[in-house]
């Protein structure tokens, strides 16, 4: 499950980068970035076994 979460986070970051440089996606792309960052943080926390 964590590999899937990490993959989704990477895809969202790529979409954010494309949208940021294209200026056509609007503010929704920044919401995707926030979701991706949260997903990466959750994976790091769960990966440590805390």
N, C-alpha and C. Protein backbone atom coordinates (compact mmCIF):
# COMPACT_ATOMS: atom_id res chain seq x y z
N UNK A 1 0.82 -1.20 0.00
CA UNK A 1 0.00 0.00 0.00
C UNK A 1 0.86 1.26 0.00
N UNK A 2 1.98 1.20 0.70
CA UNK A 2 2.82 2.40 0.77
C UNK A 2 3.47 2.70 -0.58
N UNK A 3 3.77 1.66 -1.36
CA UNK A 3 4.33 1.89 -2.69
C UNK A 3 3.31 2.58 -3.59
N UNK A 4 2.05 2.19 -3.46
CA UNK A 4 0.99 2.83 -4.23
C UNK A 4 0.84 4.30 -3.83
N UNK A 5 0.90 4.55 -2.52
CA UNK A 5 0.78 5.91 -2.03
C UNK A 5 1.93 6.77 -2.53
N UNK A 6 3.13 6.21 -2.51
CA UNK A 6 4.30 6.95 -2.99
C UNK A 6 4.20 7.22 -4.48
N UNK A 7 3.72 6.25 -5.25
CA UNK A 7 3.56 6.42 -6.68
C UNK A 7 2.54 7.51 -6.99
N UNK A 8 1.44 7.51 -6.28
CA UNK A 8 0.42 8.55 -6.47
C UNK A 8 0.99 9.92 -6.14
N UNK A 9 1.77 10.01 -5.07
CA UNK A 9 2.38 11.28 -4.69
C UNK A 9 3.32 11.79 -5.78
N UNK A 10 4.11 10.91 -6.34
CA UNK A 10 5.04 11.31 -7.40
C UNK A 10 4.27 11.78 -8.63
N UNK A 11 3.20 11.07 -8.98
CA UNK A 11 2.39 11.47 -10.13
C UNK A 11 1.76 12.84 -9.89
N UNK A 12 1.26 13.08 -8.68
CA UNK A 12 0.66 14.37 -8.37
C UNK A 12 1.68 15.50 -8.43
N UNK A 13 2.90 15.23 -7.98
CA UNK A 13 3.95 16.25 -8.05
C UNK A 13 4.29 16.56 -9.50
N UNK A 14 4.33 15.53 -10.34
CA UNK A 14 4.60 15.76 -11.77
C UNK A 14 3.48 16.59 -12.39
N UNK A 15 2.22 16.25 -12.07
CA UNK A 15 1.09 17.04 -12.58
C UNK A 15 1.16 18.48 -12.11
N UNK A 16 1.58 18.69 -10.84
CA UNK A 16 1.70 20.04 -10.31
C UNK A 16 2.76 20.82 -11.10
N UNK A 17 3.89 20.17 -11.36
CA UNK A 17 4.96 20.85 -12.08
C UNK A 17 4.50 21.23 -13.49
N UNK A 18 3.81 20.33 -14.16
CA UNK A 18 3.31 20.62 -15.51
C UNK A 18 2.30 21.75 -15.46
N UNK A 19 1.38 21.70 -14.51
CA UNK A 19 0.35 22.75 -14.38
C UNK A 19 0.94 24.09 -13.98
N UNK A 20 1.97 24.06 -13.14
CA UNK A 20 2.59 25.30 -12.69
C UNK A 20 3.25 26.03 -13.86
N UNK A 21 3.90 25.28 -14.73
CA UNK A 21 4.58 25.91 -15.86
C UNK A 21 3.63 26.22 -17.01
N UNK A 22 2.51 25.55 -17.08
CA UNK A 22 1.56 25.79 -18.16
C UNK A 22 0.57 26.91 -17.81
N UNK A 23 0.38 27.18 -16.52
CA UNK A 23 -0.55 28.21 -16.03
C UNK A 23 -1.99 27.99 -16.49
N UNK A 24 -2.33 26.76 -16.85
CA UNK A 24 -3.69 26.54 -17.36
C UNK A 24 -4.55 25.75 -16.39
N UNK A 25 -3.96 25.18 -15.37
CA UNK A 25 -4.71 24.31 -14.47
C UNK A 25 -5.39 25.07 -13.34
N UNK A 26 -4.99 26.30 -13.10
CA UNK A 26 -5.62 27.08 -12.05
C UNK A 26 -5.16 26.66 -10.67
N UNK A 27 -5.98 26.94 -9.67
CA UNK A 27 -5.58 26.68 -8.29
C UNK A 27 -5.74 25.22 -7.89
N UNK A 28 -6.46 24.42 -8.66
CA UNK A 28 -6.65 23.02 -8.31
C UNK A 28 -5.34 22.26 -8.30
N UNK A 29 -4.38 22.68 -9.11
CA UNK A 29 -3.10 21.99 -9.17
C UNK A 29 -2.33 22.15 -7.87
N UNK A 30 -2.52 23.26 -7.17
CA UNK A 30 -1.85 23.47 -5.89
C UNK A 30 -2.46 22.57 -4.81
N UNK A 31 -3.73 22.29 -4.93
CA UNK A 31 -4.37 21.35 -4.00
C UNK A 31 -3.77 19.96 -4.21
N UNK A 32 -3.52 19.59 -5.46
CA UNK A 32 -2.89 18.31 -5.75
C UNK A 32 -1.49 18.24 -5.15
N UNK A 33 -0.76 19.36 -5.19
CA UNK A 33 0.57 19.38 -4.60
C UNK A 33 0.50 19.15 -3.10
N UNK A 34 -0.44 19.79 -2.44
CA UNK A 34 -0.60 19.61 -1.00
C UNK A 34 -0.91 18.15 -0.67
N UNK A 35 -1.79 17.54 -1.45
CA UNK A 35 -2.13 16.13 -1.24
C UNK A 35 -0.89 15.26 -1.43
N UNK A 36 -0.09 15.56 -2.44
CA UNK A 36 1.12 14.79 -2.69
C UNK A 36 2.12 14.92 -1.56
N UNK A 37 2.28 16.12 -1.03
CA UNK A 37 3.22 16.33 0.07
C UNK A 37 2.74 15.58 1.32
N UNK A 38 1.44 15.63 1.59
CA UNK A 38 0.89 14.90 2.73
C UNK A 38 1.11 13.40 2.57
N UNK A 39 0.93 12.89 1.35
CA UNK A 39 1.14 11.47 1.09
C UNK A 39 2.59 11.07 1.33
N UNK A 40 3.53 11.90 0.91
CA UNK A 40 4.94 11.60 1.13
C UNK A 40 5.27 11.63 2.62
N UNK A 41 4.75 12.60 3.33
CA UNK A 41 5.00 12.69 4.78
C UNK A 41 4.43 11.47 5.50
N UNK A 42 3.23 11.06 5.13
CA UNK A 42 2.64 9.87 5.75
C UNK A 42 3.48 8.63 5.46
N UNK A 43 4.01 8.53 4.26
CA UNK A 43 4.84 7.38 3.93
C UNK A 43 6.13 7.38 4.74
N UNK A 44 6.72 8.55 4.92
CA UNK A 44 7.94 8.62 5.72
C UNK A 44 7.68 8.26 7.17
N UNK A 45 6.57 8.71 7.70
CA UNK A 45 6.22 8.40 9.09
C UNK A 45 5.97 6.91 9.26
N UNK A 46 5.20 6.33 8.36
CA UNK A 46 4.88 4.90 8.46
C UNK A 46 6.10 4.04 8.15
N UNK A 47 7.01 4.53 7.34
CA UNK A 47 8.19 3.78 7.00
C UNK A 47 9.16 3.63 8.17
N UNK A 48 9.17 4.57 9.07
CA UNK A 48 10.04 4.51 10.23
C UNK A 48 9.52 3.56 11.30
N UNK A 49 8.24 3.25 11.25
CA UNK A 49 7.66 2.33 12.23
C UNK A 49 7.38 2.97 13.57
N UNK A 50 7.15 4.26 13.57
CA UNK A 50 6.84 4.97 14.81
C UNK A 50 5.43 4.66 15.24
